[in-house]
N, C-alpha and C. Protein backbone atom coordinates (compact mmCIF):
# COMPACT_ATOMS: atom_id res chain seq x y z
N MET A 1 21.86 2.85 8.83
CA MET A 1 21.15 3.28 9.15
C MET A 1 20.29 2.40 9.92
N ILE A 2 19.43 2.51 10.47
CA ILE A 2 18.43 2.22 11.87
C ILE A 2 17.64 2.58 11.21
N ILE A 3 16.08 1.51 11.10
CA ILE A 3 14.72 2.14 10.78
C ILE A 3 14.31 1.62 11.92
N PRO A 4 13.16 2.52 12.73
CA PRO A 4 12.13 1.82 13.42
C PRO A 4 11.61 0.86 12.63
N ASN A 5 10.74 0.21 14.12
CA ASN A 5 10.62 -1.33 13.20
C ASN A 5 8.71 -1.08 12.51
N SER A 6 8.80 -0.41 11.71
CA SER A 6 7.58 0.38 10.97
C SER A 6 7.41 0.36 9.54
N CYS A 7 6.13 0.82 9.22
CA CYS A 7 5.77 0.95 7.91
C CYS A 7 5.31 2.07 7.19
N ILE A 8 4.61 1.63 6.52
CA ILE A 8 3.53 3.11 5.74
C ILE A 8 2.81 1.65 4.82
N PHE A 9 1.36 2.55 5.15
CA PHE A 9 0.22 1.72 5.26
C PHE A 9 -0.74 2.41 4.26
N TYR A 10 -1.16 2.21 3.14
CA TYR A 10 -1.73 2.23 2.28
C TYR A 10 -3.16 1.18 2.18
N LEU A 11 -4.59 1.31 2.27
CA LEU A 11 -5.86 1.00 2.30
C LEU A 11 -6.25 1.00 0.53
N VAL A 12 -5.81 -0.24 0.28
CA VAL A 12 -6.46 0.10 -0.95
C VAL A 12 -7.82 -0.81 -1.72
N ASN A 13 -8.00 -0.03 -2.81
CA ASN A 13 -9.33 -0.98 -3.28
C ASN A 13 -9.29 -1.13 -4.96
N ASP A 14 -10.44 -1.38 -5.34
CA ASP A 14 -10.20 -1.72 -7.10
C ASP A 14 -10.72 -0.38 -7.93
N GLN A 15 -11.10 0.24 -7.56
CA GLN A 15 -11.70 1.43 -7.93
C GLN A 15 -10.37 2.48 -8.92
N GLU A 16 -10.40 2.59 -10.23
CA GLU A 16 -9.92 2.99 -10.95
C GLU A 16 -8.85 4.21 -10.61
N ILE A 17 -10.05 4.93 -10.38
CA ILE A 17 -9.66 6.85 -9.57
C ILE A 17 -8.59 6.38 -8.09
N HIS A 18 -8.96 5.68 -8.12
CA HIS A 18 -7.99 5.74 -6.23
C HIS A 18 -6.66 4.33 -6.66
N VAL A 19 -6.58 4.03 -8.05
CA VAL A 19 -5.52 2.96 -7.70
C VAL A 19 -4.36 4.42 -8.92
N LYS A 20 -4.81 5.11 -9.52
CA LYS A 20 -4.77 6.41 -10.02
C LYS A 20 -3.67 7.28 -8.83
N ARG A 21 -4.83 7.46 -8.31
CA ARG A 21 -4.40 8.52 -6.75
C ARG A 21 -3.12 7.91 -6.36
N LEU A 22 -3.57 6.77 -6.06
CA LEU A 22 -2.64 5.61 -5.27
C LEU A 22 -1.06 5.74 -5.99
N GLU A 23 -0.68 5.33 -7.52
CA GLU A 23 0.12 5.30 -8.37
C GLU A 23 0.88 7.54 -7.98
N ASP A 24 -0.10 8.34 -8.11
CA ASP A 24 0.77 9.00 -8.05
C ASP A 24 0.93 9.88 -6.14
N SER A 25 0.42 8.74 -5.48
CA SER A 25 1.16 8.83 -3.91
C SER A 25 2.19 8.69 -3.81
N LEU A 26 2.42 7.03 -4.24
CA LEU A 26 3.81 6.91 -4.31
C LEU A 26 4.95 6.87 -5.01
N LYS A 27 4.90 7.90 -6.35
CA LYS A 27 5.57 8.42 -6.89
C LYS A 27 6.17 9.16 -6.44
N CYS A 28 5.47 10.05 -5.64
CA CYS A 28 6.01 11.43 -3.86
C CYS A 28 6.11 10.76 -3.48
N LEU A 29 6.33 9.76 -2.67
CA LEU A 29 6.24 8.82 -2.00
C LEU A 29 8.22 8.74 -1.85
N LYS A 30 8.24 7.88 -3.18
CA LYS A 30 9.58 7.64 -3.32
C LYS A 30 10.33 8.52 -3.85
N ASP A 31 10.04 9.83 -4.48
CA ASP A 31 10.61 11.04 -4.60
C ASP A 31 11.20 12.00 -3.65
N ASN A 32 10.45 12.15 -2.69
CA ASN A 32 10.58 12.73 -1.42
C ASN A 32 10.61 12.08 0.37
N PHE A 33 10.75 10.82 0.16
CA PHE A 33 10.75 10.29 1.12
C PHE A 33 11.41 8.68 1.27
N LEU A 34 10.83 7.98 0.86
CA LEU A 34 12.03 6.51 0.59
C LEU A 34 13.25 6.44 -0.30
N ARG A 35 13.04 6.98 -0.72
CA ARG A 35 15.08 7.65 -0.94
C ARG A 35 15.86 7.43 0.58
N GLN A 36 15.59 8.27 1.35
CA GLN A 36 16.67 8.33 2.76
C GLN A 36 16.16 7.46 3.69
N TYR A 37 14.81 6.90 3.87
CA TYR A 37 13.76 6.20 4.84
C TYR A 37 13.47 5.03 4.14
N PRO A 38 13.75 3.80 4.17
CA PRO A 38 13.29 2.78 3.48
C PRO A 38 12.01 2.40 4.01
N TYR A 39 11.29 2.72 4.17
CA TYR A 39 10.71 1.36 4.58
C TYR A 39 9.29 0.99 4.36
N PRO A 40 9.76 -0.15 4.76
CA PRO A 40 8.30 -1.06 3.65
C PRO A 40 6.54 -0.30 3.38
N VAL A 41 5.99 -0.64 2.28
CA VAL A 41 5.18 0.14 2.22
C VAL A 41 4.07 -2.03 2.02
N VAL A 42 3.49 -1.67 2.86
CA VAL A 42 2.14 -2.59 2.89
C VAL A 42 0.37 -1.91 2.25
N PHE A 43 -0.15 -2.28 1.03
CA PHE A 43 -1.45 -2.25 0.98
C PHE A 43 -2.16 -3.22 1.34
N GLY A 44 -2.84 -2.69 2.47
CA GLY A 44 -4.22 -3.10 3.09
C GLY A 44 -5.33 -3.41 2.03
N HIS A 45 -6.13 -4.55 2.17
CA HIS A 45 -7.09 -4.79 0.88
C HIS A 45 -7.96 -5.89 1.93
N GLU A 46 -9.08 -5.65 1.23
CA GLU A 46 -10.38 -6.45 1.55
C GLU A 46 -9.94 -7.62 0.47
N GLY A 47 -9.91 -7.43 -0.27
CA GLY A 47 -9.44 -8.84 -1.80
C GLY A 47 -9.75 -7.65 -2.96
N ILE A 48 -8.48 -7.43 -3.39
CA ILE A 48 -8.29 -6.72 -4.88
C ILE A 48 -7.80 -7.59 -5.64
N SER A 49 -8.40 -7.25 -7.18
CA SER A 49 -7.73 -8.50 -8.28
C SER A 49 -6.53 -8.12 -8.61
N THR A 50 -5.97 -9.37 -9.02
CA THR A 50 -4.73 -9.99 -9.41
C THR A 50 -4.05 -8.05 -10.25
N ALA A 51 -5.31 -7.67 -11.68
CA ALA A 51 -4.67 -6.80 -11.99
C ALA A 51 -4.43 -5.84 -11.70
N THR A 52 -5.44 -5.71 -10.62
CA THR A 52 -4.94 -4.30 -9.74
C THR A 52 -3.67 -4.47 -9.20
N LYS A 53 -3.61 -5.04 -8.77
CA LYS A 53 -2.50 -5.60 -7.60
C LYS A 53 -0.82 -5.61 -9.51
N ASP A 54 -1.28 -6.49 -9.93
CA ASP A 54 -0.05 -5.84 -10.70
C ASP A 54 0.56 -4.23 -11.08
N LYS A 55 -0.94 -3.43 -11.30
CA LYS A 55 -0.92 -2.76 -11.58
C LYS A 55 0.02 -1.88 -10.76
N ILE A 56 -0.38 -1.97 -9.34
CA ILE A 56 0.05 -0.73 -8.34
C ILE A 56 1.45 -1.80 -7.96
N ARG A 57 2.19 -2.74 -8.04
CA ARG A 57 3.25 -3.31 -8.27
C ARG A 57 4.30 -2.01 -9.31
N LYS A 58 3.62 -2.90 -10.04
CA LYS A 58 4.74 -1.49 -11.13
C LYS A 58 5.18 0.56 -10.29
N SER A 59 4.23 0.79 -9.55
CA SER A 59 4.71 2.22 -8.88
C SER A 59 5.06 2.26 -7.70
N ALA A 60 5.01 0.77 -7.20
CA ALA A 60 5.49 0.31 -5.83
C ALA A 60 7.04 0.52 -5.88
N PRO A 61 7.05 0.70 -4.59
CA PRO A 61 8.97 0.17 -3.92
C PRO A 61 8.85 -0.77 -3.43
N GLU A 62 10.39 -1.72 -4.10
CA GLU A 62 10.79 -3.03 -3.87
C GLU A 62 10.19 -3.93 -2.71
N ASN A 63 10.58 -2.57 -1.82
CA ASN A 63 10.30 -3.37 -0.24
C ASN A 63 8.34 -3.19 -0.42
N HIS A 64 7.67 -4.00 -0.69
CA HIS A 64 6.04 -3.86 -0.22
C HIS A 64 5.52 -4.87 -0.44
N TYR A 65 4.17 -4.79 0.48
CA TYR A 65 3.49 -5.58 0.73
C TYR A 65 1.90 -6.19 0.73
N PHE A 66 1.26 -6.83 0.72
CA PHE A 66 -0.11 -6.64 0.27
C PHE A 66 -0.57 -7.54 1.29
N HIS A 67 -1.58 -7.16 2.32
CA HIS A 67 -2.25 -7.90 3.35
C HIS A 67 -3.73 -7.92 3.54
N LYS A 68 -3.89 -8.80 3.41
CA LYS A 68 -5.85 -8.89 3.28
C LYS A 68 -6.42 -8.50 5.03
N VAL A 69 -7.42 -7.87 4.66
CA VAL A 69 -8.21 -7.25 6.22
C VAL A 69 -8.79 -7.80 5.64
N ASP A 70 -9.88 -7.44 7.33
CA ASP A 70 -11.58 -7.74 7.64
C ASP A 70 -11.80 -6.25 8.36
N PHE A 71 -12.83 -6.03 7.85
CA PHE A 71 -13.47 -4.99 8.76
C PHE A 71 -15.13 -5.19 8.57
N SER A 72 -15.08 -6.87 9.07
CA SER A 72 -16.85 -7.17 9.62
C SER A 72 -16.56 -6.60 11.38
N LEU A 73 -17.74 -6.55 10.98
CA LEU A 73 -18.19 -6.29 13.17
C LEU A 73 -18.23 -7.66 13.43
N PRO A 74 -17.73 -7.97 15.25
CA PRO A 74 -17.44 -8.40 15.45
C PRO A 74 -19.60 -8.94 16.04
N ASP A 75 -19.31 -10.55 16.14
CA ASP A 75 -20.78 -10.79 16.87
C ASP A 75 -21.56 -9.77 18.22
N TYR A 76 -20.65 -9.54 18.64
CA TYR A 76 -21.07 -9.04 20.60
C TYR A 76 -21.46 -7.24 19.77
N SER A 77 -21.28 -7.02 18.67
CA SER A 77 -21.97 -5.49 18.59
C SER A 77 -23.40 -5.53 18.41
């Protein structure tokens, strides 16, 4: 199977309720989509704790990555 040059992207933070919702979403994603289409899953964050990363890893598919993002406004704005 050829997979397009794509990924599934989640924006995550340290809030417990959001991590729980992410875990639920990842379960549905794995059960209903990733079995047939094994896209990589990327977790974008502005800085999350190691404990949160470890919790996410337990629910994440094998093919996952963490990517730090910066949402600051540019100087010209």
